[in-house]
Full PDB file with SEQRES, HELIX, SHEET, SSBOND, CRYST1, ORIGX, SCALE, CONECT and MASTER records, all heavy atoms in Angstrom:
SEQRES   1 A   33  ARG MET ALA ASN LYS ASP HIS LYS GLN VAL HIS ILE GLN          
SEQRES   2 A   33  LYS GLY ASP THR ILE VAL LEU SER ALA THR PRO ILE PRO          
SEQRES   3 A   33  GLY ASN GLU GLY LEU VAL ASN                                  
HELIX    1 AA1 GLU A   29  VAL A   32  1                                   4    
CRYST1    1.000    1.000    1.000  90.00  90.00  90.00 P 1           1          
ORIGX1      1.000000  0.000000  0.000000        0.00000                         
ORIGX2      0.000000  1.000000  0.000000        0.00000                         
ORIGX3      0.000000  0.000000  1.000000        0.00000                         
SCALE1      1.000000  0.000000  0.000000        0.00000                         
SCALE2      0.000000  1.000000  0.000000        0.00000                         
SCALE3      0.000000  0.000000  1.000000        0.00000                         
ATOM      1  N   ARG A   1      89.212 100.772 128.077  1.00  0.00           N  
ATOM      2  CA  ARG A   1      89.655 102.037 128.670  1.00  0.00           C  
ATOM      3  C   ARG A   1      91.052 102.452 128.095  1.00  0.00           C  
ATOM      4  O   ARG A   1      91.195 103.592 127.757  1.00  0.00           O  
ATOM      5  CB  ARG A   1      89.689 102.027 130.202  1.00  0.00           C  
ATOM      6  CG  ARG A   1      88.275 101.742 130.821  1.00  0.00           C  
ATOM      7  CD  ARG A   1      88.051 102.483 132.073  1.00  0.00           C  
ATOM      8  NE  ARG A   1      89.151 102.112 133.095  1.00  0.00           N  
ATOM      9  CZ  ARG A   1      89.092 101.138 133.923  1.00  0.00           C  
ATOM     10  NH1 ARG A   1      88.083 100.261 133.903  1.00  0.00           N  
ATOM     11  NH2 ARG A   1      90.101 100.921 134.708  1.00  0.00           N  
ATOM     12  N   MET A   2      91.896 101.479 127.856  1.00  0.00           N  
ATOM     13  CA  MET A   2      93.185 101.785 127.248  1.00  0.00           C  
ATOM     14  C   MET A   2      92.970 102.198 125.775  1.00  0.00           C  
ATOM     15  O   MET A   2      93.538 103.236 125.339  1.00  0.00           O  
ATOM     16  CB  MET A   2      93.992 100.578 127.215  1.00  0.00           C  
ATOM     17  CG  MET A   2      94.576 100.088 128.570  1.00  0.00           C  
ATOM     18  SD  MET A   2      95.529  98.490 128.317  1.00  0.00           S  
ATOM     19  CE  MET A   2      95.267  97.709 129.883  1.00  0.00           C  
ATOM     20  N   ALA A   3      92.108 101.539 125.089  1.00  0.00           N  
ATOM     21  CA  ALA A   3      91.812 101.864 123.657  1.00  0.00           C  
ATOM     22  C   ALA A   3      91.194 103.279 123.519  1.00  0.00           C  
ATOM     23  O   ALA A   3      91.370 103.976 122.650  1.00  0.00           O  
ATOM     24  CB  ALA A   3      90.916 100.753 123.036  1.00  0.00           C  
ATOM     25  N   ASN A   4      90.387 103.703 124.621  1.00  0.00           N  
ATOM     26  CA  ASN A   4      89.727 104.926 124.607  1.00  0.00           C  
ATOM     27  C   ASN A   4      90.617 106.058 125.268  1.00  0.00           C  
ATOM     28  O   ASN A   4      90.137 107.150 125.507  1.00  0.00           O  
ATOM     29  CB  ASN A   4      88.302 104.857 125.276  1.00  0.00           C  
ATOM     30  CG  ASN A   4      87.423 103.937 124.550  1.00  0.00           C  
ATOM     31  OD1 ASN A   4      87.653 103.716 123.381  1.00  0.00           O  
ATOM     32  ND2 ASN A   4      86.411 103.440 125.199  1.00  0.00           N  
ATOM     33  N   LYS A   5      91.860 105.718 125.597  1.00  0.00           N  
ATOM     34  CA  LYS A   5      92.791 106.664 126.267  1.00  0.00           C  
ATOM     35  C   LYS A   5      92.300 107.131 127.690  1.00  0.00           C  
ATOM     36  O   LYS A   5      92.618 108.235 127.981  1.00  0.00           O  
ATOM     37  CB  LYS A   5      93.028 107.815 125.283  1.00  0.00           C  
ATOM     38  CG  LYS A   5      93.597 107.441 123.970  1.00  0.00           C  
ATOM     39  CD  LYS A   5      93.916 108.658 123.119  1.00  0.00           C  
ATOM     40  CE  LYS A   5      94.475 108.365 121.746  1.00  0.00           C  
ATOM     41  NZ  LYS A   5      94.646 109.379 120.927  1.00  0.00           N  
ATOM     42  N   ASP A   6      91.543 106.350 128.334  1.00  0.00           N  
ATOM     43  CA  ASP A   6      91.103 106.899 129.734  1.00  0.00           C  
ATOM     44  C   ASP A   6      91.451 105.871 130.805  1.00  0.00           C  
ATOM     45  O   ASP A   6      90.734 105.831 131.760  1.00  0.00           O  
ATOM     46  CB  ASP A   6      89.736 107.286 129.749  1.00  0.00           C  
ATOM     47  CG  ASP A   6      88.739 106.175 129.408  1.00  0.00           C  
ATOM     48  OD1 ASP A   6      89.115 105.022 129.213  1.00  0.00           O  
ATOM     49  OD2 ASP A   6      87.519 106.456 129.271  1.00  0.00           O  
ATOM     50  N   HIS A   7      92.514 105.041 130.565  1.00  0.00           N  
ATOM     51  CA  HIS A   7      92.936 104.082 131.702  1.00  0.00           C  
ATOM     52  C   HIS A   7      93.998 104.915 132.494  1.00  0.00           C  
ATOM     53  O   HIS A   7      94.944 105.537 131.900  1.00  0.00           O  
ATOM     54  CB  HIS A   7      93.502 102.806 131.111  1.00  0.00           C  
ATOM     55  CG  HIS A   7      93.669 101.789 132.163  1.00  0.00           C  
ATOM     56  ND1 HIS A   7      94.778 101.723 133.051  1.00  0.00           N  
ATOM     57  CD2 HIS A   7      92.847 100.726 132.452  1.00  0.00           C  
ATOM     58  CE1 HIS A   7      94.581 100.691 133.832  1.00  0.00           C  
ATOM     59  NE2 HIS A   7      93.570 100.080 133.538  1.00  0.00           N  
ATOM     60  N   LYS A   8      93.913 104.805 133.906  1.00  0.00           N  
ATOM     61  CA  LYS A   8      94.728 105.643 134.685  1.00  0.00           C  
ATOM     62  C   LYS A   8      96.268 105.178 134.584  1.00  0.00           C  
ATOM     63  O   LYS A   8      97.113 105.918 134.536  1.00  0.00           O  
ATOM     64  CB  LYS A   8      94.346 105.433 136.206  1.00  0.00           C  
ATOM     65  CG  LYS A   8      93.144 106.249 136.612  1.00  0.00           C  
ATOM     66  CD  LYS A   8      92.910 106.029 138.134  1.00  0.00           C  
ATOM     67  CE  LYS A   8      91.464 106.397 138.390  1.00  0.00           C  
ATOM     68  NZ  LYS A   8      90.923 105.744 139.605  1.00  0.00           N  
ATOM     69  N   GLN A   9      96.528 103.819 134.545  1.00  0.00           N  
ATOM     70  CA  GLN A   9      97.889 103.387 134.648  1.00  0.00           C  
ATOM     71  C   GLN A   9      98.549 102.995 133.324  1.00  0.00           C  
ATOM     72  O   GLN A   9      99.804 103.077 133.263  1.00  0.00           O  
ATOM     73  CB  GLN A   9      97.898 102.196 135.677  1.00  0.00           C  
ATOM     74  CG  GLN A   9      97.723 102.623 137.045  1.00  0.00           C  
ATOM     75  CD  GLN A   9      96.900 101.575 137.873  1.00  0.00           C  
ATOM     76  OE1 GLN A   9      95.927 101.003 137.342  1.00  0.00           O  
ATOM     77  NE2 GLN A   9      97.355 101.262 139.052  1.00  0.00           N  
ATOM     78  N   VAL A  10      97.707 102.549 132.385  1.00  0.00           N  
ATOM     79  CA  VAL A  10      98.272 102.007 131.105  1.00  0.00           C  
ATOM     80  C   VAL A  10      97.750 102.744 129.932  1.00  0.00           C  
ATOM     81  O   VAL A  10      96.605 102.891 129.665  1.00  0.00           O  
ATOM     82  CB  VAL A  10      97.933 100.516 130.939  1.00  0.00           C  
ATOM     83  CG1 VAL A  10      98.665  99.969 129.682  1.00  0.00           C  
ATOM     84  CG2 VAL A  10      98.446  99.660 132.104  1.00  0.00           C  
ATOM     85  N   HIS A  11      98.801 103.380 129.085  1.00  0.00           N  
ATOM     86  CA  HIS A  11      98.423 103.972 127.809  1.00  0.00           C  
ATOM     87  C   HIS A  11      99.090 103.281 126.710  1.00  0.00           C  
ATOM     88  O   HIS A  11     100.193 102.848 126.785  1.00  0.00           O  
ATOM     89  CB  HIS A  11      98.934 105.487 127.915  1.00  0.00           C  
ATOM     90  CG  HIS A  11      98.435 106.193 129.109  1.00  0.00           C  
ATOM     91  ND1 HIS A  11      97.149 106.715 129.237  1.00  0.00           N  
ATOM     92  CD2 HIS A  11      99.049 106.431 130.252  1.00  0.00           C  
ATOM     93  CE1 HIS A  11      96.980 107.306 130.417  1.00  0.00           C  
ATOM     94  NE2 HIS A  11      98.109 107.074 131.103  1.00  0.00           N  
ATOM     95  N   ILE A  12      98.230 103.058 125.627  1.00  0.00           N  
ATOM     96  CA  ILE A  12      98.698 102.336 124.546  1.00  0.00           C  
ATOM     97  C   ILE A  12      99.879 103.142 123.835  1.00  0.00           C  
ATOM     98  O   ILE A  12      99.825 104.399 123.702  1.00  0.00           O  
ATOM     99  CB  ILE A  12      97.692 102.120 123.454  1.00  0.00           C  
ATOM    100  CG1 ILE A  12      96.536 101.325 123.934  1.00  0.00           C  
ATOM    101  CG2 ILE A  12      98.201 101.476 122.203  1.00  0.00           C  
ATOM    102  CD1 ILE A  12      96.896  99.863 124.516  1.00  0.00           C  
ATOM    103  N   GLN A  13     101.006 102.424 123.450  1.00  0.00           N  
ATOM    104  CA  GLN A  13     102.132 103.102 122.883  1.00  0.00           C  
ATOM    105  C   GLN A  13     102.399 102.552 121.532  1.00  0.00           C  
ATOM    106  O   GLN A  13     102.028 101.376 121.238  1.00  0.00           O  
ATOM    107  CB  GLN A  13     103.463 102.799 123.700  1.00  0.00           C  
ATOM    108  CG  GLN A  13     103.419 103.417 125.184  1.00  0.00           C  
ATOM    109  CD  GLN A  13     104.461 102.845 125.993  1.00  0.00           C  
ATOM    110  OE1 GLN A  13     105.323 102.041 125.544  1.00  0.00           O  
ATOM    111  NE2 GLN A  13     104.522 103.091 127.372  1.00  0.00           N  
ATOM    112  N   LYS A  14     102.943 103.334 120.573  1.00  0.00           N  
ATOM    113  CA  LYS A  14     103.368 102.754 119.293  1.00  0.00           C  
ATOM    114  C   LYS A  14     104.279 101.642 119.564  1.00  0.00           C  
ATOM    115  O   LYS A  14     105.293 101.735 120.295  1.00  0.00           O  
ATOM    116  CB  LYS A  14     104.062 103.883 118.564  1.00  0.00           C  
ATOM    117  CG  LYS A  14     103.843 103.807 117.065  1.00  0.00           C  
ATOM    118  CD  LYS A  14     104.540 105.042 116.345  1.00  0.00           C  
ATOM    119  CE  LYS A  14     104.515 104.832 114.808  1.00  0.00           C  
ATOM    120  NZ  LYS A  14     103.233 105.073 114.176  1.00  0.00           N  
ATOM    121  N   GLY A  15     104.122 100.522 118.865  1.00  0.00           N  
ATOM    122  CA  GLY A  15     105.068  99.377 119.060  1.00  0.00           C  
ATOM    123  C   GLY A  15     104.494  98.327 120.021  1.00  0.00           C  
ATOM    124  O   GLY A  15     105.079  97.190 120.133  1.00  0.00           O  
ATOM    125  N   ASP A  16     103.367  98.612 120.675  1.00  0.00           N  
ATOM    126  CA  ASP A  16     102.664  97.654 121.554  1.00  0.00           C  
ATOM    127  C   ASP A  16     102.151  96.459 120.638  1.00  0.00           C  
ATOM    128  O   ASP A  16     101.632  96.729 119.534  1.00  0.00           O  
ATOM    129  CB  ASP A  16     101.516  98.105 122.347  1.00  0.00           C  
ATOM    130  CG  ASP A  16     102.087  99.005 123.564  1.00  0.00           C  
ATOM    131  OD1 ASP A  16     103.248  98.946 123.871  1.00  0.00           O  
ATOM    132  OD2 ASP A  16     101.215  99.715 124.157  1.00  0.00           O  
ATOM    133  N   THR A  17     102.243  95.249 121.178  1.00  0.00           N  
ATOM    134  CA  THR A  17     101.560  94.053 120.453  1.00  0.00           C  
ATOM    135  C   THR A  17     100.436  93.698 121.388  1.00  0.00           C  
ATOM    136  O   THR A  17     100.584  93.386 122.540  1.00  0.00           O  
ATOM    137  CB  THR A  17     102.565  92.969 120.313  1.00  0.00           C  
ATOM    138  OG1 THR A  17     103.608  93.412 119.472  1.00  0.00           O  
ATOM    139  CG2 THR A  17     101.857  91.768 119.623  1.00  0.00           C  
ATOM    140  N   ILE A  18      99.231  93.597 120.802  1.00  0.00           N  
ATOM    141  CA  ILE A  18      98.063  93.249 121.579  1.00  0.00           C  
ATOM    142  C   ILE A  18      97.358  91.957 121.048  1.00  0.00           C  
ATOM    143  O   ILE A  18      97.220  91.748 119.844  1.00  0.00           O  
ATOM    144  CB  ILE A  18      96.968  94.421 121.612  1.00  0.00           C  
ATOM    145  CG1 ILE A  18      97.634  95.572 122.258  1.00  0.00           C  
ATOM    146  CG2 ILE A  18      95.707  94.018 122.177  1.00  0.00           C  
ATOM    147  CD1 ILE A  18      97.034  96.914 122.025  1.00  0.00           C  
ATOM    148  N   VAL A  19      97.096  91.032 121.925  1.00  0.00           N  
ATOM    149  CA  VAL A  19      96.574  89.708 121.537  1.00  0.00           C  
ATOM    150  C   VAL A  19      95.142  89.599 122.153  1.00  0.00           C  
ATOM    151  O   VAL A  19      94.980  89.628 123.424  1.00  0.00           O  
ATOM    152  CB  VAL A  19      97.477  88.567 122.134  1.00  0.00           C  
ATOM    153  CG1 VAL A  19      96.807  87.196 121.768  1.00  0.00           C  
ATOM    154  CG2 VAL A  19      98.859  88.683 121.591  1.00  0.00           C  
ATOM    155  N   LEU A  20      94.103  89.496 121.320  1.00  0.00           N  
ATOM    156  CA  LEU A  20      92.710  89.217 121.811  1.00  0.00           C  
ATOM    157  C   LEU A  20      92.513  87.738 121.805  1.00  0.00           C  
ATOM    158  O   LEU A  20      92.258  87.141 120.768  1.00  0.00           O  
ATOM    159  CB  LEU A  20      91.727  89.877 120.871  1.00  0.00           C  
ATOM    160  CG  LEU A  20      91.279  91.307 121.304  1.00  0.00           C  
ATOM    161  CD1 LEU A  20      92.334  92.307 121.089  1.00  0.00           C  
ATOM    162  CD2 LEU A  20      90.110  91.687 120.518  1.00  0.00           C  
ATOM    163  N   SER A  21      92.684  87.108 122.928  1.00  0.00           N  
ATOM    164  CA  SER A  21      92.563  85.615 123.030  1.00  0.00           C  
ATOM    165  C   SER A  21      91.194  85.174 123.457  1.00  0.00           C  
ATOM    166  O   SER A  21      91.036  84.622 124.556  1.00  0.00           O  
ATOM    167  CB  SER A  21      93.676  85.136 124.003  1.00  0.00           C  
ATOM    168  OG  SER A  21      93.715  83.764 123.936  1.00  0.00           O  
ATOM    169  N   ALA A  22      90.217  85.461 122.663  1.00  0.00           N  
ATOM    170  CA  ALA A  22      88.880  85.042 122.881  1.00  0.00           C  
ATOM    171  C   ALA A  22      88.091  85.261 121.591  1.00  0.00           C  
ATOM    172  O   ALA A  22      88.435  86.112 120.752  1.00  0.00           O  
ATOM    173  CB  ALA A  22      88.236  85.826 124.009  1.00  0.00           C  
ATOM    174  N   THR A  23      87.073  84.548 121.389  1.00  0.00           N  
ATOM    175  CA  THR A  23      86.116  84.764 120.314  1.00  0.00           C  
ATOM    176  C   THR A  23      85.026  85.552 120.747  1.00  0.00           C  
ATOM    177  O   THR A  23      84.499  85.445 121.847  1.00  0.00           O  
ATOM    178  CB  THR A  23      85.516  83.416 119.760  1.00  0.00           C  
ATOM    179  OG1 THR A  23      86.541  82.522 119.482  1.00  0.00           O  
ATOM    180  CG2 THR A  23      84.701  83.533 118.538  1.00  0.00           C  
ATOM    181  N   PRO A  24      84.570  86.677 120.016  1.00  0.00           N  
ATOM    182  CA  PRO A  24      83.453  87.523 120.365  1.00  0.00           C  
ATOM    183  C   PRO A  24      82.208  86.711 120.569  1.00  0.00           C  
ATOM    184  O   PRO A  24      81.813  85.852 119.824  1.00  0.00           O  
ATOM    185  CB  PRO A  24      83.302  88.494 119.252  1.00  0.00           C  
ATOM    186  CG  PRO A  24      84.530  88.508 118.459  1.00  0.00           C  
ATOM    187  CD  PRO A  24      85.096  87.103 118.677  1.00  0.00           C  
ATOM    188  N   ILE A  25      81.562  86.900 121.769  1.00  0.00           N  
ATOM    189  CA  ILE A  25      80.179  86.333 121.995  1.00  0.00           C  
ATOM    190  C   ILE A  25      79.276  86.849 120.999  1.00  0.00           C  
ATOM    191  O   ILE A  25      79.299  88.050 120.671  1.00  0.00           O  
ATOM    192  CB  ILE A  25      79.747  86.580 123.365  1.00  0.00           C  
ATOM    193  CG1 ILE A  25      80.613  85.932 124.381  1.00  0.00           C  
ATOM    194  CG2 ILE A  25      78.339  86.241 123.690  1.00  0.00           C  
ATOM    195  CD1 ILE A  25      80.526  86.368 125.844  1.00  0.00           C  
ATOM    196  N   PRO A  26      78.376  86.000 120.384  1.00  0.00           N  
ATOM    197  CA  PRO A  26      77.419  86.556 119.492  1.00  0.00           C  
ATOM    198  C   PRO A  26      76.682  87.865 119.933  1.00  0.00           C  
ATOM    199  O   PRO A  26      76.266  87.812 121.064  1.00  0.00           O  
ATOM    200  CB  PRO A  26      76.400  85.403 119.252  1.00  0.00           C  
ATOM    201  CG  PRO A  26      77.171  84.183 119.519  1.00  0.00           C  
ATOM    202  CD  PRO A  26      78.210  84.568 120.570  1.00  0.00           C  
ATOM    203  N   GLY A  27      76.683  88.915 119.174  1.00  0.00           N  
ATOM    204  CA  GLY A  27      76.084  90.217 119.547  1.00  0.00           C  
ATOM    205  C   GLY A  27      77.175  91.136 120.033  1.00  0.00           C  
ATOM    206  O   GLY A  27      76.953  92.378 120.133  1.00  0.00           O  
ATOM    207  N   ASN A  28      78.390  90.758 120.417  1.00  0.00           N  
ATOM    208  CA  ASN A  28      79.411  91.620 120.859  1.00  0.00           C  
ATOM    209  C   ASN A  28      80.453  92.007 119.765  1.00  0.00           C  
ATOM    210  O   ASN A  28      81.368  92.794 119.956  1.00  0.00           O  
ATOM    211  CB  ASN A  28      80.301  90.972 121.950  1.00  0.00           C  
ATOM    212  CG  ASN A  28      79.506  90.969 123.335  1.00  0.00           C  
ATOM    213  OD1 ASN A  28      78.373  91.294 123.308  1.00  0.00           O  
ATOM    214  ND2 ASN A  28      80.199  90.581 124.328  1.00  0.00           N  
ATOM    215  N   GLU A  29      80.254  91.509 118.516  1.00  0.00           N  
ATOM    216  CA  GLU A  29      81.212  91.762 117.411  1.00  0.00           C  
ATOM    217  C   GLU A  29      81.481  93.206 117.236  1.00  0.00           C  
ATOM    218  O   GLU A  29      82.623  93.614 117.037  1.00  0.00           O  
ATOM    219  CB  GLU A  29      80.775  91.051 116.146  1.00  0.00           C  
ATOM    220  CG  GLU A  29      80.628  89.603 116.155  1.00  0.00           C  
ATOM    221  CD  GLU A  29      79.291  88.991 116.615  1.00  0.00           C  
ATOM    222  OE1 GLU A  29      78.508  89.804 117.022  1.00  0.00           O  
ATOM    223  OE2 GLU A  29      79.057  87.776 116.510  1.00  0.00           O  
ATOM    224  N   GLY A  30      80.414  94.025 117.223  1.00  0.00           N  
ATOM    225  CA  GLY A  30      80.534  95.488 116.953  1.00  0.00           C  
ATOM    226  C   GLY A  30      81.425  96.066 118.013  1.00  0.00           C  
ATOM    227  O   GLY A  30      82.281  96.888 117.603  1.00  0.00           O  
ATOM    228  N   LEU A  31      81.204  95.762 119.262  1.00  0.00           N  
ATOM    229  CA  LEU A  31      81.974  96.354 120.291  1.00  0.00           C  
ATOM    230  C   LEU A  31      83.573  96.000 120.245  1.00  0.00           C  
ATOM    231  O   LEU A  31      84.420  96.793 120.395  1.00  0.00           O  
ATOM    232  CB  LEU A  31      81.523  95.937 121.724  1.00  0.00           C  
ATOM    233  CG  LEU A  31      80.087  96.456 122.127  1.00  0.00           C  
ATOM    234  CD1 LEU A  31      79.639  95.677 123.312  1.00  0.00           C  
ATOM    235  CD2 LEU A  31      80.135  97.894 122.419  1.00  0.00           C  
ATOM    236  N   VAL A  32      83.730  94.669 119.889  1.00  0.00           N  
ATOM    237  CA  VAL A  32      85.171  94.158 119.781  1.00  0.00           C  
ATOM    238  C   VAL A  32      85.759  94.836 118.646  1.00  0.00           C  
ATOM    239  O   VAL A  32      86.942  95.353 118.689  1.00  0.00           O  
ATOM    240  CB  VAL A  32      85.039  92.676 119.623  1.00  0.00           C  
ATOM    241  CG1 VAL A  32      86.528  92.199 119.304  1.00  0.00           C  
ATOM    242  CG2 VAL A  32      84.568  91.956 120.865  1.00  0.00           C  
ATOM    243  N   ASN A  33      85.092  95.048 117.510  1.00  0.00           N  
ATOM    244  CA  ASN A  33      85.738  95.656 116.244  1.00  0.00           C  
ATOM    245  C   ASN A  33      86.126  97.041 116.514  1.00  0.00           C  
ATOM    246  O   ASN A  33      87.077  97.482 116.137  1.00  0.00           O  
ATOM    247  CB  ASN A  33      84.701  95.482 115.054  1.00  0.00           C  
ATOM    248  CG  ASN A  33      84.561  94.050 114.661  1.00  0.00           C  
ATOM    249  OD1 ASN A  33      85.383  93.226 114.975  1.00  0.00           O  
ATOM    250  ND2 ASN A  33      83.497  93.797 113.854  1.00  0.00           N  
TER     251      ASN A  33                                                      
MASTER        0    0    0    1    0    0    0    6  250    1    0    3          
END                                                                             
């Protein structure tokens, strides 16, 4: 929802650092990318 700009409380800002700490489950790669 943050990535799609529709989260109520948190909006992505220039300068944010984002860590994806998980491996995509097989079949989810497209959604994660």
